[in-house]
């Protein structure tokens, strides 16, 4: 599904990632461990097609990502390989339902079909009862599920999740694994990005940048 071949990235004439290779299958769960947040953000930019590799090749579903048209690259980031941010700058005074609706507004999916998507995600992640609650009212596990729900609402092939334990210190590996297992049942892959190896016990593969 996703293949990196000897990929290097430079930012401001400084090497950030050097000759890194990786191949992900559909529904695979992996941990990418970097030394710094700069490395992780650069890798997110690469995987989403916002940064082109200085060297090497990045392919998704057999196509070279750097050759995507602007329209295809935008669609790719919105619906195929989604960065599931676990917190946002807009604050916490937004309901779970409105959080999940955000990607749907710009997806081209008719509002008449939103209900089915919302119900499916709510049932899968067991957050149907939380739909009218503000994010600020949720505990760590509930908030984690809500943001993951937003990430999968368009049924992508892969989501990127950065530093979940650092952001939600109350989260336990067993809780995260419950969510991981639910996504695996849909063959949605997860690429965790972290500066430590705490998630190593719940992933299929562990890579070090």
N, C-alpha and C. Protein backbone atom coordinates (compact mmCIF):
# COMPACT_ATOMS: atom_id res chain seq x y z
N UNK A 1 0.83 -1.21 0.00
CA UNK A 1 0.00 0.00 0.00
C UNK A 1 0.86 1.26 0.00
N UNK A 2 1.78 1.36 0.95
CA UNK A 2 2.67 2.52 1.07
C UNK A 2 4.11 2.04 1.08
N UNK A 3 4.93 2.67 0.27
CA UNK A 3 6.33 2.23 0.17
C UNK A 3 7.28 3.42 0.11
N UNK A 4 8.25 3.43 0.99
CA UNK A 4 9.33 4.41 0.96
C UNK A 4 10.62 3.68 0.63
N UNK A 5 11.34 4.19 -0.34
CA UNK A 5 12.59 3.55 -0.76
C UNK A 5 13.75 4.52 -0.64
N UNK A 6 14.60 4.30 0.38
CA UNK A 6 15.80 5.13 0.60
C UNK A 6 15.49 6.63 0.58
N UNK A 7 14.48 7.00 1.34
CA UNK A 7 14.02 8.39 1.35
C UNK A 7 14.85 9.24 2.30
N UNK A 8 15.26 10.40 1.82
CA UNK A 8 15.96 11.40 2.65
C UNK A 8 15.20 12.72 2.57
N UNK A 9 15.25 13.48 3.66
CA UNK A 9 14.62 14.80 3.70
C UNK A 9 15.61 15.79 4.29
N UNK A 10 15.70 16.94 3.64
CA UNK A 10 16.51 18.04 4.16
C UNK A 10 15.60 19.24 4.41
N UNK A 11 15.82 19.91 5.54
CA UNK A 11 15.13 21.15 5.85
C UNK A 11 16.17 22.20 6.18
N UNK A 12 16.10 23.34 5.48
CA UNK A 12 17.08 24.42 5.69
C UNK A 12 18.51 23.91 5.56
N UNK A 13 18.72 23.09 4.51
CA UNK A 13 20.04 22.52 4.21
C UNK A 13 20.59 21.61 5.31
N UNK A 14 19.69 21.10 6.14
CA UNK A 14 20.10 20.18 7.21
C UNK A 14 19.34 18.87 7.05
N UNK A 15 20.07 17.76 7.12
CA UNK A 15 19.46 16.45 6.97
C UNK A 15 18.58 16.13 8.18
N UNK A 16 17.32 15.80 7.92
CA UNK A 16 16.38 15.45 8.99
C UNK A 16 16.11 13.95 9.00
N UNK A 17 15.93 13.38 7.82
CA UNK A 17 15.75 11.93 7.67
C UNK A 17 16.68 11.47 6.55
N UNK A 18 17.37 10.35 6.77
CA UNK A 18 18.37 9.92 5.81
C UNK A 18 18.19 8.46 5.42
N UNK A 19 17.98 8.25 4.12
CA UNK A 19 17.90 6.91 3.52
C UNK A 19 17.04 5.94 4.32
N UNK A 20 15.79 6.33 4.50
CA UNK A 20 14.84 5.53 5.27
C UNK A 20 13.93 4.76 4.33
N UNK A 21 13.75 3.48 4.60
CA UNK A 21 12.88 2.63 3.78
C UNK A 21 11.81 1.99 4.65
N UNK A 22 10.63 1.81 4.05
CA UNK A 22 9.49 1.29 4.80
C UNK A 22 8.45 0.79 3.80
N UNK A 23 7.77 -0.30 4.15
CA UNK A 23 6.66 -0.78 3.33
C UNK A 23 5.52 -1.19 4.25
N UNK A 24 4.37 -0.54 4.08
CA UNK A 24 3.20 -0.81 4.91
C UNK A 24 2.13 -1.52 4.11
N UNK A 25 1.54 -2.55 4.71
CA UNK A 25 0.43 -3.26 4.09
C UNK A 25 -0.88 -2.67 4.59
N UNK A 26 -1.96 -2.97 3.91
CA UNK A 26 -3.29 -2.49 4.28
C UNK A 26 -3.64 -2.99 5.68
N UNK A 27 -4.05 -2.08 6.57
CA UNK A 27 -4.47 -2.44 7.91
C UNK A 27 -3.35 -2.66 8.90
N UNK A 28 -2.12 -2.40 8.50
CA UNK A 28 -0.98 -2.64 9.39
C UNK A 28 -0.85 -1.50 10.41
N UNK A 29 -0.40 -1.85 11.62
CA UNK A 29 -0.22 -0.87 12.69
C UNK A 29 1.27 -0.77 12.99
N UNK A 30 1.84 0.42 12.84
CA UNK A 30 3.28 0.57 13.03
C UNK A 30 3.59 1.76 13.95
N UNK A 31 4.76 1.71 14.54
CA UNK A 31 5.30 2.82 15.33
C UNK A 31 6.54 3.34 14.65
N UNK A 32 6.57 4.63 14.37
CA UNK A 32 7.76 5.29 13.84
C UNK A 32 8.32 6.17 14.95
N UNK A 33 9.49 5.82 15.42
CA UNK A 33 10.10 6.53 16.54
C UNK A 33 11.20 7.46 16.04
N UNK A 34 11.06 8.74 16.40
CA UNK A 34 12.08 9.71 16.02
C UNK A 34 12.73 10.31 17.25
N UNK A 35 13.87 10.95 17.04
CA UNK A 35 14.59 11.56 18.17
C UNK A 35 13.95 12.87 18.61
N UNK A 36 13.41 13.62 17.65
CA UNK A 36 12.85 14.94 17.96
C UNK A 36 11.50 15.13 17.30
N UNK A 37 10.76 16.12 17.77
CA UNK A 37 9.48 16.46 17.17
C UNK A 37 9.67 17.00 15.75
N UNK A 38 10.82 17.61 15.49
CA UNK A 38 11.10 18.12 14.14
C UNK A 38 11.14 16.97 13.14
N UNK A 39 11.77 15.87 13.54
CA UNK A 39 11.81 14.69 12.68
C UNK A 39 10.41 14.16 12.40
N UNK A 40 9.60 14.08 13.46
CA UNK A 40 8.26 13.54 13.32
C UNK A 40 7.40 14.42 12.41
N UNK A 41 7.49 15.74 12.60
CA UNK A 41 6.69 16.65 11.76
C UNK A 41 7.14 16.59 10.30
N UNK A 42 8.44 16.44 10.09
CA UNK A 42 8.95 16.30 8.73
C UNK A 42 8.42 15.02 8.09
N UNK A 43 8.33 13.96 8.89
CA UNK A 43 7.83 12.69 8.37
C UNK A 43 6.34 12.77 8.05
N UNK A 44 5.59 13.48 8.90
CA UNK A 44 4.17 13.69 8.61
C UNK A 44 4.03 14.45 7.28
N UNK A 45 4.83 15.49 7.11
CA UNK A 45 4.80 16.27 5.87
C UNK A 45 5.12 15.41 4.65
N UNK A 46 6.09 14.51 4.81
CA UNK A 46 6.46 13.61 3.71
C UNK A 46 5.30 12.67 3.38
N UNK A 47 4.76 11.99 4.41
CA UNK A 47 3.71 11.00 4.16
C UNK A 47 2.45 11.64 3.58
N UNK A 48 2.17 12.88 3.96
CA UNK A 48 0.99 13.55 3.41
C UNK A 48 1.25 14.21 2.05
N UNK A 49 2.48 14.14 1.59
CA UNK A 49 2.79 14.70 0.28
C UNK A 49 3.02 16.19 0.29
N UNK A 50 3.14 16.79 1.47
CA UNK A 50 3.41 18.23 1.56
C UNK A 50 4.90 18.51 1.42
N UNK A 51 5.74 17.52 1.71
CA UNK A 51 7.18 17.62 1.54
C UNK A 51 7.62 16.55 0.56
N UNK A 52 8.39 16.93 -0.43
CA UNK A 52 8.95 15.94 -1.35
C UNK A 52 10.30 15.47 -0.84
N UNK A 53 10.60 14.18 -1.00
CA UNK A 53 11.91 13.69 -0.54
C UNK A 53 13.05 14.32 -1.32
N UNK A 54 14.13 14.62 -0.62
CA UNK A 54 15.33 15.13 -1.28
C UNK A 54 15.94 14.04 -2.15
N UNK A 55 15.86 12.83 -1.65
CA UNK A 55 16.31 11.65 -2.40
C UNK A 55 15.32 10.52 -2.13
N UNK A 56 15.32 9.53 -3.02
CA UNK A 56 14.49 8.36 -2.81
C UNK A 56 13.11 8.48 -3.41
N UNK A 57 12.29 7.46 -3.17
CA UNK A 57 10.99 7.35 -3.81
C UNK A 57 9.90 7.05 -2.77
N UNK A 58 8.77 7.75 -2.90
CA UNK A 58 7.61 7.53 -2.04
C UNK A 58 6.43 7.16 -2.92
N UNK A 59 5.90 5.95 -2.72
CA UNK A 59 4.77 5.47 -3.50
C UNK A 59 3.59 5.12 -2.60
N UNK A 60 2.40 5.42 -3.09
CA UNK A 60 1.17 5.05 -2.39
C UNK A 60 0.25 4.39 -3.39
N UNK A 61 -0.14 3.16 -3.11
CA UNK A 61 -0.97 2.36 -4.02
C UNK A 61 -0.33 2.31 -5.41
N UNK A 62 0.99 2.18 -5.43
CA UNK A 62 1.71 2.02 -6.68
C UNK A 62 2.00 3.29 -7.45
N UNK A 63 1.58 4.45 -6.94
CA UNK A 63 1.82 5.72 -7.62
C UNK A 63 2.81 6.58 -6.85
N UNK A 64 3.64 7.29 -7.58
CA UNK A 64 4.60 8.18 -6.95
C UNK A 64 3.88 9.43 -6.45
N UNK A 65 3.93 9.67 -5.15
CA UNK A 65 3.16 10.74 -4.54
C UNK A 65 3.58 12.12 -5.04
N UNK A 66 4.86 12.31 -5.29
CA UNK A 66 5.34 13.63 -5.75
C UNK A 66 4.81 14.00 -7.13
N UNK A 67 4.23 13.03 -7.84
CA UNK A 67 3.68 13.30 -9.17
C UNK A 67 2.16 13.53 -9.14
N UNK A 68 1.58 13.49 -7.95
CA UNK A 68 0.13 13.76 -7.85
C UNK A 68 -0.16 15.18 -8.32
N UNK A 69 -1.29 15.36 -8.98
CA UNK A 69 -1.76 16.70 -9.31
C UNK A 69 -2.17 17.40 -8.01
N UNK A 70 -2.36 18.72 -8.06
CA UNK A 70 -2.77 19.46 -6.88
C UNK A 70 -4.10 18.94 -6.35
N UNK A 71 -5.03 18.68 -7.26
CA UNK A 71 -6.35 18.17 -6.86
C UNK A 71 -6.24 16.81 -6.21
N UNK A 72 -5.44 15.93 -6.81
CA UNK A 72 -5.30 14.59 -6.26
C UNK A 72 -4.56 14.61 -4.93
N UNK A 73 -3.55 15.47 -4.80
CA UNK A 73 -2.80 15.57 -3.54
C UNK A 73 -3.70 16.05 -2.41
N UNK A 74 -4.58 17.00 -2.70
CA UNK A 74 -5.51 17.50 -1.68
C UNK A 74 -6.47 16.41 -1.25
N UNK A 75 -7.03 15.70 -2.21
CA UNK A 75 -7.94 14.60 -1.90
C UNK A 75 -7.23 13.50 -1.13
N UNK A 76 -6.00 13.23 -1.48
CA UNK A 76 -5.17 12.21 -0.80
C UNK A 76 -5.05 12.53 0.68
N UNK A 77 -4.75 13.79 1.00
CA UNK A 77 -4.55 14.18 2.41
C UNK A 77 -5.87 14.19 3.19
N UNK A 78 -6.96 14.46 2.51
CA UNK A 78 -8.25 14.56 3.20
C UNK A 78 -8.90 13.20 3.43
N UNK A 79 -8.69 12.27 2.49
CA UNK A 79 -9.50 11.06 2.55
C UNK A 79 -8.75 9.73 2.45
N UNK A 80 -7.47 9.75 2.10
CA UNK A 80 -6.74 8.50 1.96
C UNK A 80 -5.70 8.28 3.07
N UNK A 81 -4.93 9.31 3.32
CA UNK A 81 -3.90 9.25 4.36
C UNK A 81 -4.09 10.49 5.24
N UNK A 82 -4.72 10.29 6.37
CA UNK A 82 -5.20 11.41 7.18
C UNK A 82 -4.36 11.57 8.45
N UNK A 83 -3.97 12.81 8.71
CA UNK A 83 -3.26 13.14 9.96
C UNK A 83 -4.32 13.38 11.03
N UNK A 84 -4.48 12.42 11.93
CA UNK A 84 -5.50 12.52 12.98
C UNK A 84 -4.95 13.30 14.17
N UNK A 85 -5.02 14.62 14.07
CA UNK A 85 -4.53 15.46 15.16
C UNK A 85 -5.36 15.22 16.42
N UNK A 86 -4.68 15.08 17.55
CA UNK A 86 -5.38 14.74 18.79
C UNK A 86 -5.76 15.96 19.61
N UNK A 87 -5.30 17.12 19.19
CA UNK A 87 -5.73 18.38 19.80
C UNK A 87 -5.68 19.45 18.73
N UNK A 88 -6.47 20.50 18.92
CA UNK A 88 -6.51 21.56 17.93
C UNK A 88 -6.41 22.91 18.62
N UNK A 89 -6.04 23.92 17.83
CA UNK A 89 -5.90 25.27 18.37
C UNK A 89 -7.23 25.98 18.54
N UNK A 90 -8.32 25.41 17.95
CA UNK A 90 -9.59 26.12 18.00
C UNK A 90 -10.25 26.04 19.37
N UNK A 91 -9.66 25.30 20.30
CA UNK A 91 -10.23 25.21 21.64
C UNK A 91 -11.08 23.98 21.82
N UNK A 92 -11.70 23.89 22.98
CA UNK A 92 -12.41 22.68 23.36
C UNK A 92 -13.92 22.86 23.40
N UNK A 93 -14.40 24.05 23.07
CA UNK A 93 -15.84 24.32 23.12
C UNK A 93 -16.52 23.94 21.82
N UNK A 94 -16.43 22.67 21.50
CA UNK A 94 -17.04 22.13 20.30
C UNK A 94 -17.53 20.73 20.65
N UNK A 95 -18.71 20.37 20.16
CA UNK A 95 -19.24 19.05 20.50
C UNK A 95 -18.54 17.97 19.69
N UNK A 96 -18.63 16.76 20.18
CA UNK A 96 -18.06 15.62 19.47
C UNK A 96 -18.68 15.50 18.08
N UNK A 97 -19.99 15.69 17.98
CA UNK A 97 -20.66 15.59 16.68
C UNK A 97 -20.10 16.61 15.69
N UNK A 98 -19.91 17.85 16.13
CA UNK A 98 -19.39 18.88 15.23
C UNK A 98 -17.94 18.60 14.85
N UNK A 99 -17.17 18.02 15.79
CA UNK A 99 -15.79 17.64 15.50
C UNK A 99 -15.76 16.60 14.38
N UNK A 100 -16.64 15.62 14.46
CA UNK A 100 -16.68 14.57 13.45
C UNK A 100 -17.20 15.08 12.11
N UNK A 101 -18.02 16.12 12.16
CA UNK A 101 -18.60 16.66 10.92
C UNK A 101 -17.60 17.49 10.12
N UNK A 102 -16.54 17.99 10.77
CA UNK A 102 -15.60 18.89 10.09
C UNK A 102 -15.06 18.32 8.77
N UNK A 103 -14.53 17.09 8.76
CA UNK A 103 -14.02 16.57 7.47
C UNK A 103 -15.13 16.36 6.44
N UNK A 104 -16.34 16.06 6.90
CA UNK A 104 -17.45 15.80 5.98
C UNK A 104 -17.85 17.06 5.20
N UNK A 105 -17.69 18.23 5.83
CA UNK A 105 -18.11 19.48 5.20
C UNK A 105 -17.37 19.74 3.89
N UNK A 106 -16.12 19.30 3.81
CA UNK A 106 -15.30 19.61 2.63
C UNK A 106 -14.99 18.35 1.81
N UNK A 107 -15.78 17.31 2.03
CA UNK A 107 -15.49 16.03 1.39
C UNK A 107 -16.23 15.81 0.08
N UNK A 108 -17.28 16.59 -0.16
CA UNK A 108 -18.11 16.35 -1.33
C UNK A 108 -19.22 15.35 -1.07
N UNK A 109 -19.26 14.81 0.16
CA UNK A 109 -20.32 13.88 0.54
C UNK A 109 -21.56 14.68 0.90
N UNK A 110 -22.71 14.30 0.36
CA UNK A 110 -23.94 15.04 0.63
C UNK A 110 -24.32 14.93 2.11
N UNK A 111 -24.80 16.04 2.70
CA UNK A 111 -25.21 16.02 4.11
C UNK A 111 -26.21 14.93 4.44
N UNK A 112 -27.00 14.51 3.46
CA UNK A 112 -27.97 13.44 3.71
C UNK A 112 -27.30 12.12 4.06
N UNK A 113 -26.02 12.00 3.70
CA UNK A 113 -25.28 10.76 3.99
C UNK A 113 -24.38 10.89 5.22
N UNK A 114 -24.34 12.07 5.82
CA UNK A 114 -23.50 12.27 7.00
C UNK A 114 -23.96 11.40 8.16
N UNK A 115 -25.28 11.29 8.31
CA UNK A 115 -25.83 10.57 9.46
C UNK A 115 -25.30 9.14 9.53
N UNK A 116 -25.25 8.48 8.38
CA UNK A 116 -24.76 7.10 8.36
C UNK A 116 -23.31 7.02 8.81
N UNK A 117 -22.51 7.97 8.34
CA UNK A 117 -21.09 7.98 8.73
C UNK A 117 -20.94 8.24 10.23
N UNK A 118 -21.69 9.21 10.73
CA UNK A 118 -21.61 9.54 12.15
C UNK A 118 -22.04 8.36 13.02
N UNK A 119 -23.11 7.71 12.61
CA UNK A 119 -23.59 6.57 13.39
C UNK A 119 -22.60 5.42 13.36
N UNK A 120 -21.99 5.18 12.20
CA UNK A 120 -21.04 4.07 12.07
C UNK A 120 -19.82 4.29 12.96
N UNK A 121 -19.27 5.52 12.93
CA UNK A 121 -18.10 5.83 13.76
C UNK A 121 -18.47 5.82 15.24
N UNK A 122 -19.64 6.38 15.55
CA UNK A 122 -20.10 6.40 16.93
C UNK A 122 -20.25 5.01 17.51
N UNK A 123 -20.77 4.11 16.70
CA UNK A 123 -20.95 2.73 17.16
C UNK A 123 -19.62 2.00 17.26
N UNK A 124 -18.76 2.18 16.26
CA UNK A 124 -17.47 1.50 16.25
C UNK A 124 -16.63 1.86 17.47
N UNK A 125 -16.55 3.16 17.76
CA UNK A 125 -15.69 3.64 18.84
C UNK A 125 -16.43 3.81 20.17
N UNK A 126 -17.72 3.45 20.16
CA UNK A 126 -18.54 3.52 21.37
C UNK A 126 -18.59 4.94 21.94
N UNK A 127 -18.88 5.90 21.03
CA UNK A 127 -18.97 7.31 21.46
C UNK A 127 -20.31 7.92 21.07
N UNK A 128 -21.30 7.10 20.73
CA UNK A 128 -22.61 7.64 20.33
C UNK A 128 -23.23 8.48 21.44
N UNK A 129 -23.02 8.07 22.69
CA UNK A 129 -23.60 8.79 23.82
C UNK A 129 -22.89 10.11 24.11
N UNK A 130 -21.75 10.34 23.45
CA UNK A 130 -20.96 11.54 23.71
C UNK A 130 -21.18 12.63 22.67
N UNK A 131 -21.98 12.37 21.65
CA UNK A 131 -22.08 13.26 20.49
C UNK A 131 -22.40 14.71 20.84
N UNK A 132 -23.22 14.95 21.84
CA UNK A 132 -23.61 16.32 22.17
C UNK A 132 -22.77 16.92 23.29
N UNK A 133 -21.75 16.21 23.72
CA UNK A 133 -20.86 16.74 24.75
C UNK A 133 -19.74 17.55 24.13
N UNK A 134 -19.31 18.60 24.84
CA UNK A 134 -18.13 19.36 24.39
C UNK A 134 -16.88 18.54 24.65
N UNK A 135 -15.87 18.76 23.81
CA UNK A 135 -14.59 18.07 24.00
C UNK A 135 -14.03 18.33 25.40
N UNK A 136 -14.27 19.54 25.91
CA UNK A 136 -13.75 19.91 27.23
C UNK A 136 -14.33 19.05 28.35
N UNK A 137 -15.47 18.44 28.11
CA UNK A 137 -16.12 17.62 29.14
C UNK A 137 -15.61 16.18 29.16
N UNK A 138 -14.83 15.79 28.18
CA UNK A 138 -14.45 14.39 28.03
C UNK A 138 -13.21 14.04 28.83
N UNK A 139 -13.12 12.78 29.24
CA UNK A 139 -11.88 12.31 29.85
C UNK A 139 -10.89 11.96 28.73
N UNK A 140 -9.69 11.55 29.10
CA UNK A 140 -8.63 11.34 28.12
C UNK A 140 -9.01 10.30 27.07
N UNK A 141 -9.56 9.18 27.51
CA UNK A 141 -9.92 8.11 26.57
C UNK A 141 -11.04 8.55 25.64
N UNK A 142 -12.03 9.26 26.17
CA UNK A 142 -13.13 9.73 25.35
C UNK A 142 -12.66 10.73 24.30
N UNK A 143 -11.76 11.65 24.70
CA UNK A 143 -11.23 12.64 23.77
C UNK A 143 -10.39 11.95 22.69
N UNK A 144 -9.60 10.98 23.09
CA UNK A 144 -8.78 10.22 22.13
C UNK A 144 -9.68 9.56 21.09
N UNK A 145 -10.74 8.92 21.54
CA UNK A 145 -11.68 8.27 20.62
C UNK A 145 -12.33 9.28 19.68
N UNK A 146 -12.69 10.44 20.21
CA UNK A 146 -13.35 11.46 19.40
C UNK A 146 -12.44 11.94 18.27
N UNK A 147 -11.18 12.22 18.59
CA UNK A 147 -10.26 12.69 17.55
C UNK A 147 -9.92 11.59 16.55
N UNK A 148 -9.81 10.35 17.03
CA UNK A 148 -9.60 9.23 16.10
C UNK A 148 -10.84 9.09 15.21
N UNK A 149 -12.02 9.30 15.79
CA UNK A 149 -13.25 9.25 15.00
C UNK A 149 -13.24 10.25 13.87
N UNK A 150 -12.77 11.47 14.16
CA UNK A 150 -12.68 12.47 13.10
C UNK A 150 -11.70 12.00 12.02
N UNK A 151 -10.62 11.35 12.45
CA UNK A 151 -9.63 10.87 11.49
C UNK A 151 -10.14 9.80 10.55
N UNK A 152 -11.09 8.96 11.01
CA UNK A 152 -11.55 7.84 10.19
C UNK A 152 -12.92 8.06 9.56
N UNK A 153 -13.52 9.23 9.78
CA UNK A 153 -14.89 9.46 9.31
C UNK A 153 -15.01 9.34 7.79
N UNK A 154 -13.93 9.61 7.04
CA UNK A 154 -13.95 9.50 5.59
C UNK A 154 -13.41 8.16 5.10
N UNK A 155 -13.23 7.23 6.06
CA UNK A 155 -12.80 5.87 5.75
C UNK A 155 -11.48 5.83 4.98
N UNK A 156 -10.42 6.43 5.54
CA UNK A 156 -9.13 6.43 4.86
C UNK A 156 -8.46 5.05 4.92
N UNK A 157 -7.39 4.91 4.17
CA UNK A 157 -6.62 3.66 4.23
C UNK A 157 -5.61 3.68 5.37
N UNK A 158 -5.18 4.89 5.76
CA UNK A 158 -4.16 5.01 6.81
C UNK A 158 -4.35 6.32 7.56
N UNK A 159 -4.18 6.28 8.89
CA UNK A 159 -4.17 7.52 9.66
C UNK A 159 -2.84 7.65 10.39
N UNK A 160 -2.41 8.88 10.55
CA UNK A 160 -1.19 9.21 11.30
C UNK A 160 -1.60 9.75 12.66
N UNK A 161 -1.00 9.22 13.72
CA UNK A 161 -1.33 9.64 15.09
C UNK A 161 -0.03 9.92 15.82
N UNK A 162 0.15 11.17 16.24
CA UNK A 162 1.43 11.57 16.86
C UNK A 162 1.31 11.73 18.36
N UNK A 163 2.23 11.10 19.09
CA UNK A 163 2.42 11.27 20.54
C UNK A 163 1.13 11.19 21.37
N UNK A 164 0.33 10.11 21.22
CA UNK A 164 -0.91 10.05 22.00
C UNK A 164 -0.70 10.00 23.51
N UNK A 165 0.32 9.28 23.95
CA UNK A 165 0.54 9.14 25.40
C UNK A 165 1.10 10.44 25.98
N UNK A 166 1.92 11.14 25.21
CA UNK A 166 2.44 12.42 25.70
C UNK A 166 1.33 13.46 25.82
N UNK A 167 0.37 13.43 24.90
CA UNK A 167 -0.73 14.40 24.94
C UNK A 167 -1.76 14.05 26.01
N UNK A 168 -2.00 12.75 26.17
CA UNK A 168 -2.99 12.30 27.15
C UNK A 168 -2.29 11.34 28.11
N UNK A 169 -1.69 11.89 29.14
CA UNK A 169 -0.87 11.08 30.05
C UNK A 169 -1.70 10.04 30.80
N UNK A 170 -3.02 10.23 30.87
CA UNK A 170 -3.87 9.27 31.58
C UNK A 170 -4.18 8.04 30.73
N UNK A 171 -3.88 8.11 29.43
CA UNK A 171 -4.16 6.97 28.56
C UNK A 171 -3.28 5.79 28.91
N UNK A 172 -3.89 4.60 28.87
CA UNK A 172 -3.14 3.37 29.09
C UNK A 172 -3.03 2.61 27.78
N UNK A 173 -1.97 1.80 27.65
CA UNK A 173 -1.78 1.03 26.43
C UNK A 173 -2.97 0.13 26.14
N UNK A 174 -3.56 -0.44 27.18
CA UNK A 174 -4.71 -1.32 26.97
C UNK A 174 -5.88 -0.56 26.36
N UNK A 175 -6.07 0.71 26.75
CA UNK A 175 -7.13 1.53 26.17
C UNK A 175 -6.87 1.82 24.69
N UNK A 176 -5.62 2.18 24.39
CA UNK A 176 -5.26 2.48 23.00
C UNK A 176 -5.41 1.23 22.14
N UNK A 177 -5.03 0.09 22.70
CA UNK A 177 -5.12 -1.16 21.93
C UNK A 177 -6.57 -1.49 21.57
N UNK A 178 -7.50 -1.17 22.44
CA UNK A 178 -8.91 -1.40 22.13
C UNK A 178 -9.32 -0.64 20.87
N UNK A 179 -8.87 0.61 20.77
CA UNK A 179 -9.17 1.42 19.59
C UNK A 179 -8.45 0.86 18.36
N UNK A 180 -7.19 0.49 18.55
CA UNK A 180 -6.39 -0.08 17.46
C UNK A 180 -7.07 -1.32 16.88
N UNK A 181 -7.54 -2.20 17.74
CA UNK A 181 -8.18 -3.43 17.28
C UNK A 181 -9.45 -3.14 16.48
N UNK A 182 -10.20 -2.11 16.88
CA UNK A 182 -11.41 -1.75 16.16
C UNK A 182 -11.09 -1.25 14.75
N UNK A 183 -10.01 -0.47 14.63
CA UNK A 183 -9.63 0.03 13.31
C UNK A 183 -9.09 -1.09 12.42
N UNK A 184 -8.41 -2.04 13.04
CA UNK A 184 -7.89 -3.17 12.26
C UNK A 184 -9.02 -3.97 11.65
N UNK A 185 -10.16 -4.02 12.35
CA UNK A 185 -11.31 -4.77 11.83
C UNK A 185 -11.83 -4.14 10.53
N UNK A 186 -11.53 -2.85 10.31
CA UNK A 186 -11.94 -2.15 9.09
C UNK A 186 -10.80 -2.06 8.07
N UNK A 187 -9.66 -2.66 8.43
CA UNK A 187 -8.45 -2.59 7.61
C UNK A 187 -7.96 -1.16 7.42
N UNK A 188 -8.18 -0.32 8.44
CA UNK A 188 -7.59 1.02 8.45
C UNK A 188 -6.27 0.93 9.19
N UNK A 189 -5.19 1.26 8.51
CA UNK A 189 -3.87 1.20 9.13
C UNK A 189 -3.63 2.41 10.02
N UNK A 190 -2.73 2.24 10.97
CA UNK A 190 -2.34 3.34 11.85
C UNK A 190 -0.83 3.45 11.88
N UNK A 191 -0.34 4.64 11.67
CA UNK A 191 1.08 4.93 11.82
C UNK A 191 1.23 5.86 13.02
N UNK A 192 1.65 5.30 14.15
CA UNK A 192 1.93 6.11 15.33
C UNK A 192 3.30 6.74 15.17
N UNK A 193 3.41 8.02 15.50
CA UNK A 193 4.70 8.70 15.49
C UNK A 193 4.98 9.18 16.90
N UNK A 194 6.16 8.85 17.42
CA UNK A 194 6.45 9.16 18.81
C UNK A 194 7.95 9.33 19.01
N UNK A 195 8.30 10.07 20.06
CA UNK A 195 9.71 10.23 20.41
C UNK A 195 10.15 9.19 21.43
N UNK A 196 9.25 8.26 21.79
CA UNK A 196 9.65 7.16 22.68
C UNK A 196 9.03 5.86 22.16
N UNK A 197 9.29 4.76 22.86
CA UNK A 197 8.84 3.45 22.38
C UNK A 197 7.71 2.85 23.23
N UNK A 198 6.96 3.70 23.93
CA UNK A 198 5.93 3.18 24.83
C UNK A 198 4.84 2.39 24.11
N UNK A 199 4.63 2.67 22.83
CA UNK A 199 3.57 1.99 22.08
C UNK A 199 4.05 0.70 21.42
N UNK A 200 5.28 0.34 21.66
CA UNK A 200 5.88 -0.82 20.98
C UNK A 200 5.07 -2.10 21.19
N UNK A 201 4.43 -2.25 22.34
CA UNK A 201 3.73 -3.48 22.66
C UNK A 201 2.42 -3.69 21.93
N UNK A 202 1.91 -2.68 21.22
CA UNK A 202 0.59 -2.82 20.58
C UNK A 202 0.65 -2.66 19.06
N UNK A 203 1.85 -2.61 18.50
CA UNK A 203 1.99 -2.42 17.05
C UNK A 203 2.54 -3.68 16.39
N UNK A 204 2.35 -3.74 15.06
CA UNK A 204 2.87 -4.87 14.31
C UNK A 204 4.37 -4.72 14.03
N UNK A 205 4.79 -3.48 13.81
CA UNK A 205 6.21 -3.23 13.51
C UNK A 205 6.64 -1.92 14.17
N UNK A 206 7.92 -1.86 14.54
CA UNK A 206 8.49 -0.69 15.19
C UNK A 206 9.72 -0.25 14.36
N UNK A 207 9.66 0.98 13.85
CA UNK A 207 10.76 1.51 13.03
C UNK A 207 11.37 2.72 13.75
N UNK A 208 12.67 2.87 13.59
CA UNK A 208 13.37 4.03 14.16
C UNK A 208 13.90 4.88 13.01
N UNK A 209 13.54 6.15 13.02
CA UNK A 209 13.95 7.05 11.93
C UNK A 209 15.45 7.33 12.01
